[in-house]
């Protein structure tokens, strides 16, 4: 009997456009050789341009979905995306607390790419209090990092330094914080991984010209899958970044909004390689005298 692949459980919202949310998580996790379990937290009305509406599920439905699969299959890594409500945050926090040995990757989704609010201040407070203390790797972009780390005494006119944001988020209980630099005004994208003792690594990536729907979901799910595959935290971070960058490079624009990462970019590369091999002339060795 074949061994099943590592299992990653994702808590996230449905995205009918297929660009972000559970659809992005499932494609990414499966593409990286793991089996995805999908727990629906909310139903959204959205397209590749933005989110028009969110309907959070009843927290009991979220709990029942998760408990059912957790009692059936061994989960290697948890991943969290869009949450929907304070009650759902509390429900997920309680479930995860029962499995302290399972790593947790959290993408703290606060807004859509268009800027639509997806988490109010009450929800953000609940994330800080209930989820961040259980997080293994938090993956905010620079805007989310500054929002999550903001304190009342901070000046609204001065941008918080990202290293200070990381320190505050680590102090809230996260084991690692990966702050991505897509939204920063820099020639290249700089992504920095922080731990309690400082910077673990900084990786520089070519800045691509398009904007993408679901890039954060892809990165966090790729990290979760890499951890599930047995890589260390540092190895998972670089593996996931490399995978995500290539999904963006191969991205496509199916609608009138943003581009969508091509999570199966490698399948096209594989097909091209196979076609090249088929077209090669066979090598015939001369018989030895």
Protein backbone atom coordinates (compact mmCIF):
# COMPACT_ATOMS: atom_id res chain seq x y z
CA UNK A 1 0.00 0.00 0.00
CA UNK A 2 1.35 3.41 -1.00
CA UNK A 3 1.99 5.92 1.77
CA UNK A 4 -0.40 8.91 1.59
CA UNK A 5 1.16 12.31 0.93
CA UNK A 6 1.59 14.82 3.79
CA UNK A 7 -1.66 16.55 4.70
CA UNK A 8 -2.21 20.32 5.01
CA UNK A 9 -5.46 21.66 6.47
CA UNK A 10 -6.51 25.13 5.33
CA UNK A 11 -9.07 27.40 6.98
CA UNK A 12 -10.11 29.95 4.35
CA UNK A 13 -12.98 31.44 2.36
CA UNK A 14 -14.36 30.30 -0.96
CA UNK A 15 -13.28 32.38 -3.96
CA UNK A 16 -15.48 31.82 -7.03
CA UNK A 17 -12.85 33.43 -9.29
CA UNK A 18 -10.36 30.67 -8.45
CA UNK A 19 -7.64 33.23 -7.83
CA UNK A 20 -7.38 33.29 -4.05
CA UNK A 21 -8.87 31.67 -0.96
CA UNK A 22 -9.44 27.95 -0.70
CA UNK A 23 -9.11 27.46 -4.45
CA UNK A 24 -5.60 28.94 -4.37
CA UNK A 25 -4.70 26.91 -1.30
CA UNK A 26 -5.90 23.63 -2.78
CA UNK A 27 -4.06 24.12 -6.07
CA UNK A 28 -0.84 25.19 -4.35
CA UNK A 29 -0.81 22.45 -1.72
CA UNK A 30 -1.57 19.74 -4.29
CA UNK A 31 0.97 21.17 -6.75
CA UNK A 32 3.65 20.81 -4.08
CA UNK A 33 2.88 17.16 -3.46
CA UNK A 34 0.61 17.35 -0.42
CA UNK A 35 -3.03 16.45 0.17
CA UNK A 36 -5.21 19.52 0.90
CA UNK A 37 -8.04 19.57 3.42
CA UNK A 38 -10.30 22.60 2.98
CA UNK A 39 -12.37 24.14 5.78
CA UNK A 40 -14.72 26.85 4.50
CA UNK A 41 -14.87 29.90 6.78
CA UNK A 42 -16.93 32.17 4.53
CA UNK A 43 -18.62 32.48 1.16
CA UNK A 44 -17.48 35.46 -0.88
CA UNK A 45 -18.80 37.38 -3.85
CA UNK A 46 -15.67 38.39 -5.74
CA UNK A 47 -13.93 38.42 -9.08
CA UNK A 48 -10.37 39.11 -10.18
CA UNK A 49 -10.82 42.83 -9.44
CA UNK A 50 -12.02 42.75 -5.84
CA UNK A 51 -14.38 41.48 -3.15
CA UNK A 52 -17.99 42.69 -3.17
CA UNK A 53 -19.41 40.76 -0.21
CA UNK A 54 -18.51 38.22 2.46
CA UNK A 55 -20.89 35.88 4.28
CA UNK A 56 -19.18 34.21 7.26
CA UNK A 57 -20.35 30.70 8.05
CA UNK A 58 -21.85 29.70 11.37
CA UNK A 59 -18.87 28.96 13.68
CA UNK A 60 -20.36 25.56 14.51
CA UNK A 61 -20.21 24.62 10.82
CA UNK A 62 -16.54 25.62 10.74
CA UNK A 63 -15.84 23.56 13.86
CA UNK A 64 -17.75 20.53 12.57
CA UNK A 65 -15.90 20.58 9.24
CA UNK A 66 -12.52 20.70 10.99
CA UNK A 67 -13.28 18.15 13.71
CA UNK A 68 -14.59 15.66 11.14
CA UNK A 69 -11.38 15.55 9.11
CA UNK A 70 -9.05 15.92 12.11
CA UNK A 71 -10.58 12.80 13.66
CA UNK A 72 -10.13 10.93 10.37
CA UNK A 73 -6.71 11.95 9.02
CA UNK A 74 -3.32 12.96 10.46
CA UNK A 75 -2.71 16.64 9.66
CA UNK A 76 0.91 17.77 9.28
CA UNK A 77 0.42 21.56 9.02
CA UNK A 78 -2.40 24.08 9.55
CA UNK A 79 -2.80 27.09 7.28
CA UNK A 80 -5.12 30.05 7.97
CA UNK A 81 -6.44 32.62 5.47
CA UNK A 82 -9.58 34.78 5.47
CA UNK A 83 -11.55 34.24 8.66
CA UNK A 84 -14.88 36.08 8.39
CA UNK A 85 -15.82 36.92 11.98
CA UNK A 86 -14.63 37.19 15.57
CA UNK A 87 -16.62 34.08 16.45
CA UNK A 88 -14.86 32.06 13.73
CA UNK A 89 -11.48 33.30 14.95
CA UNK A 90 -12.33 32.09 18.46
CA UNK A 91 -13.53 28.74 17.10
CA UNK A 92 -10.39 28.14 15.05
CA UNK A 93 -8.15 29.21 17.94
CA UNK A 94 -9.82 26.65 20.18
CA UNK A 95 -9.45 23.87 17.59
CA UNK A 96 -5.80 24.61 16.93
CA UNK A 97 -5.00 24.75 20.63
CA UNK A 98 -5.90 21.05 20.81
CA UNK A 99 -3.03 20.29 18.40
CA UNK A 100 -0.03 22.27 19.71
CA UNK A 101 2.41 19.93 17.95
CA UNK A 102 1.10 20.87 14.48
CA UNK A 103 2.81 23.91 12.88
CA UNK A 104 0.54 26.82 11.95
CA UNK A 105 1.12 29.14 8.97
CA UNK A 106 -1.11 32.22 8.98
CA UNK A 107 -1.71 34.70 6.17
CA UNK A 108 -3.37 37.64 8.00
CA UNK A 109 -5.75 38.81 5.29
CA UNK A 110 -7.03 42.29 6.18
CA UNK A 111 -8.01 43.70 2.77
CA UNK A 112 -8.38 42.59 -0.83
CA UNK A 113 -5.92 43.70 -3.49
CA UNK A 114 -8.37 46.47 -4.37
CA UNK A 115 -8.49 47.62 -0.76
CA UNK A 116 -11.86 46.12 0.27
CA UNK A 117 -11.93 45.64 4.06
CA UNK A 118 -11.96 41.96 5.02
CA UNK A 119 -11.22 42.28 8.75
CA UNK A 120 -12.49 45.01 11.08
CA UNK A 121 -10.63 46.21 14.18
CA UNK A 122 -12.54 43.82 16.44
CA UNK A 123 -11.40 40.90 14.29
CA UNK A 124 -7.82 42.19 14.23
CA UNK A 125 -7.81 42.41 18.04
CA UNK A 126 -9.08 38.81 18.19
CA UNK A 127 -6.32 37.68 15.81
CA UNK A 128 -3.70 39.34 18.01
CA UNK A 129 -5.09 37.84 21.21
CA UNK A 130 -6.18 34.36 20.13
CA UNK A 131 -4.26 33.31 17.02
CA UNK A 132 -0.87 35.03 16.93
CA UNK A 133 0.29 33.32 20.15
CA UNK A 134 -0.19 29.98 18.35
CA UNK A 135 1.39 30.91 15.00
CA UNK A 136 4.57 29.23 13.77
CA UNK A 137 5.03 31.46 10.70
CA UNK A 138 3.07 34.68 10.07
CA UNK A 139 3.21 35.95 6.46
CA UNK A 140 1.98 39.57 6.32
CA UNK A 141 2.78 41.96 3.53
CA UNK A 142 4.22 45.29 4.70
CA UNK A 143 0.78 46.94 4.91
CA UNK A 144 -0.63 44.11 7.04
CA UNK A 145 2.47 44.05 9.24
CA UNK A 146 2.15 47.76 10.02
CA UNK A 147 -1.57 47.44 10.71
CA UNK A 148 -1.22 44.42 13.00
CA UNK A 149 1.72 45.97 14.87
CA UNK A 150 0.17 49.44 15.23
CA UNK A 151 -0.18 50.86 18.73
CA UNK A 152 -2.24 53.85 19.87
CA UNK A 153 0.90 55.80 20.74
CA UNK A 154 2.25 55.52 17.16
CA UNK A 155 2.15 58.59 14.95
CA UNK A 156 -0.23 58.25 12.02
CA UNK A 157 2.09 60.40 9.91
CA UNK A 158 5.16 58.16 10.14
CA UNK A 159 5.46 54.67 8.63
CA UNK A 160 6.47 52.05 11.17
CA UNK A 161 9.83 50.48 10.48
CA UNK A 162 9.25 46.90 9.36
CA UNK A 163 11.84 45.48 11.77
CA UNK A 164 9.93 47.13 14.64
CA UNK A 165 6.69 45.63 13.29
CA UNK A 166 8.33 42.21 13.26
CA UNK A 167 9.55 42.63 16.85
CA UNK A 168 6.06 43.53 18.03
CA UNK A 169 4.45 40.62 16.18
CA UNK A 170 7.02 38.22 17.60
CA UNK A 171 6.32 39.63 21.06
CA UNK A 172 2.62 38.79 20.51
CA UNK A 173 3.63 35.14 20.29
CA UNK A 174 4.54 34.33 16.67
CA UNK A 175 7.57 32.08 16.35
CA UNK A 176 8.59 33.54 12.96
CA UNK A 177 7.38 36.49 10.89
CA UNK A 178 7.96 36.70 7.13
CA UNK A 179 7.25 40.25 5.93
CA UNK A 180 6.93 40.52 2.16
CA UNK A 181 7.92 43.68 0.34
CA UNK A 182 5.63 43.73 -2.68
CA UNK A 183 3.94 46.94 -1.51
CA UNK A 184 7.19 48.75 -0.74
CA UNK A 185 8.70 51.35 -3.09
CA UNK A 186 11.80 49.37 -4.04
CA UNK A 187 13.37 48.24 -7.30
CA UNK A 188 13.31 44.61 -6.21
CA UNK A 189 10.99 42.80 -3.82
CA UNK A 190 12.68 42.13 -0.48
CA UNK A 191 11.14 39.46 1.77
CA UNK A 192 12.56 39.20 5.28
CA UNK A 193 12.15 36.39 7.80
CA UNK A 194 12.42 37.41 11.45
CA UNK A 195 12.75 35.35 14.62
CA UNK A 196 13.16 36.34 18.27
CA UNK A 197 16.92 36.75 17.86
CA UNK A 198 16.68 38.94 14.74
CA UNK A 199 16.74 38.52 10.98
CA UNK A 200 16.98 34.90 9.82
CA UNK A 201 17.21 35.64 6.10
CA UNK A 202 16.38 38.27 3.49
CA UNK A 203 15.61 37.21 -0.06
CA UNK A 204 15.55 39.49 -3.10
CA UNK A 205 13.27 38.84 -6.07
CA UNK A 206 12.80 40.53 -9.42
CA UNK A 207 9.75 42.79 -9.29
CA UNK A 208 7.21 41.70 -11.90
CA UNK A 209 5.16 44.31 -13.73
CA UNK A 210 1.65 42.92 -13.12
CA UNK A 211 -0.53 42.80 -10.00
CA UNK A 212 -1.81 39.44 -8.82
CA UNK A 213 -4.92 38.05 -7.18
CA UNK A 214 -3.98 35.35 -4.68
CA UNK A 215 -0.20 35.77 -4.42
CA UNK A 216 -0.30 35.87 -0.60
CA UNK A 217 -2.48 32.76 -0.44
CA UNK A 218 -0.05 31.00 -2.76
CA UNK A 219 3.01 31.91 -0.69
CA UNK A 220 1.54 30.92 2.68
CA UNK A 221 0.15 27.64 1.30
CA UNK A 222 3.50 26.87 -0.32
CA UNK A 223 5.24 27.43 3.02
CA UNK A 224 2.75 25.12 4.72
CA UNK A 225 3.26 22.43 2.07
CA UNK A 226 7.05 22.73 2.31
CA UNK A 227 6.90 22.30 6.09
CA UNK A 228 4.61 19.29 5.63
CA UNK A 229 7.16 17.82 3.22
CA UNK A 230 9.75 17.87 6.00
CA UNK A 231 11.78 20.98 5.18
CA UNK A 232 13.08 23.26 7.92
CA UNK A 233 11.56 26.71 8.42
CA UNK A 234 14.36 28.47 6.52
CA UNK A 235 14.29 25.88 3.72
CA UNK A 236 10.49 26.13 3.50
CA UNK A 237 10.66 29.91 3.20
CA UNK A 238 13.06 29.87 0.24
CA UNK A 239 11.32 26.92 -1.45
CA UNK A 240 7.92 28.62 -1.15
CA UNK A 241 9.22 31.96 -2.41
CA UNK A 242 10.82 30.33 -5.44
CA UNK A 243 7.64 28.41 -6.23
CA UNK A 244 5.46 31.52 -5.78
CA UNK A 245 7.69 33.73 -7.94
CA UNK A 246 7.47 31.23 -10.78
CA UNK A 247 3.67 31.03 -10.44
CA UNK A 248 3.56 34.81 -10.81
CA UNK A 249 5.99 34.86 -13.72
CA UNK A 250 3.72 32.34 -15.48
CA UNK A 251 0.54 34.13 -14.35
CA UNK A 252 -2.41 34.76 -16.63
CA UNK A 253 -5.25 37.30 -16.82
CA UNK A 254 -8.53 35.42 -17.29
CA UNK A 255 -10.82 38.40 -16.65
CA UNK A 256 -10.81 42.19 -16.48
CA UNK A 257 -9.01 42.47 -13.13
CA UNK A 258 -5.71 41.22 -11.78
CA UNK A 259 -3.53 38.39 -13.02
CA UNK A 260 -3.82 34.97 -11.35
CA UNK A 261 -0.75 32.93 -10.37
CA UNK A 262 -0.33 29.79 -12.46
CA UNK A 263 0.17 27.21 -9.70
CA UNK A 264 0.68 24.47 -12.29
CA UNK A 265 3.38 26.30 -14.25
CA UNK A 266 5.66 23.28 -13.93
CA UNK A 267 3.23 21.09 -15.88
CA UNK A 268 3.75 23.25 -18.99
CA UNK A 269 7.52 23.11 -18.50
CA UNK A 270 7.29 19.32 -18.19
CA UNK A 271 5.16 19.08 -21.33
CA UNK A 272 7.63 21.23 -23.28
CA UNK A 273 10.54 19.05 -22.13
CA UNK A 274 8.71 15.88 -23.17
CA UNK A 275 7.94 17.37 -26.59
CA UNK A 276 11.58 18.36 -27.05
CA UNK A 277 12.66 14.82 -26.17
CA UNK A 278 10.19 13.35 -28.67
CA UNK A 279 11.55 15.58 -31.42
CA UNK A 280 15.18 14.70 -30.81
CA UNK A 281 16.85 12.39 -33.30
CA UNK A 282 17.66 9.01 -31.76
CA UNK A 283 21.36 8.42 -31.15
CA UNK A 284 22.53 5.26 -32.92
CA UNK A 285 25.91 3.98 -31.88
CA UNK A 286 28.14 2.34 -34.47
CA UNK A 287 28.90 -1.30 -33.76
CA UNK A 288 32.38 -1.94 -32.46
CA UNK A 289 34.68 -3.88 -34.79
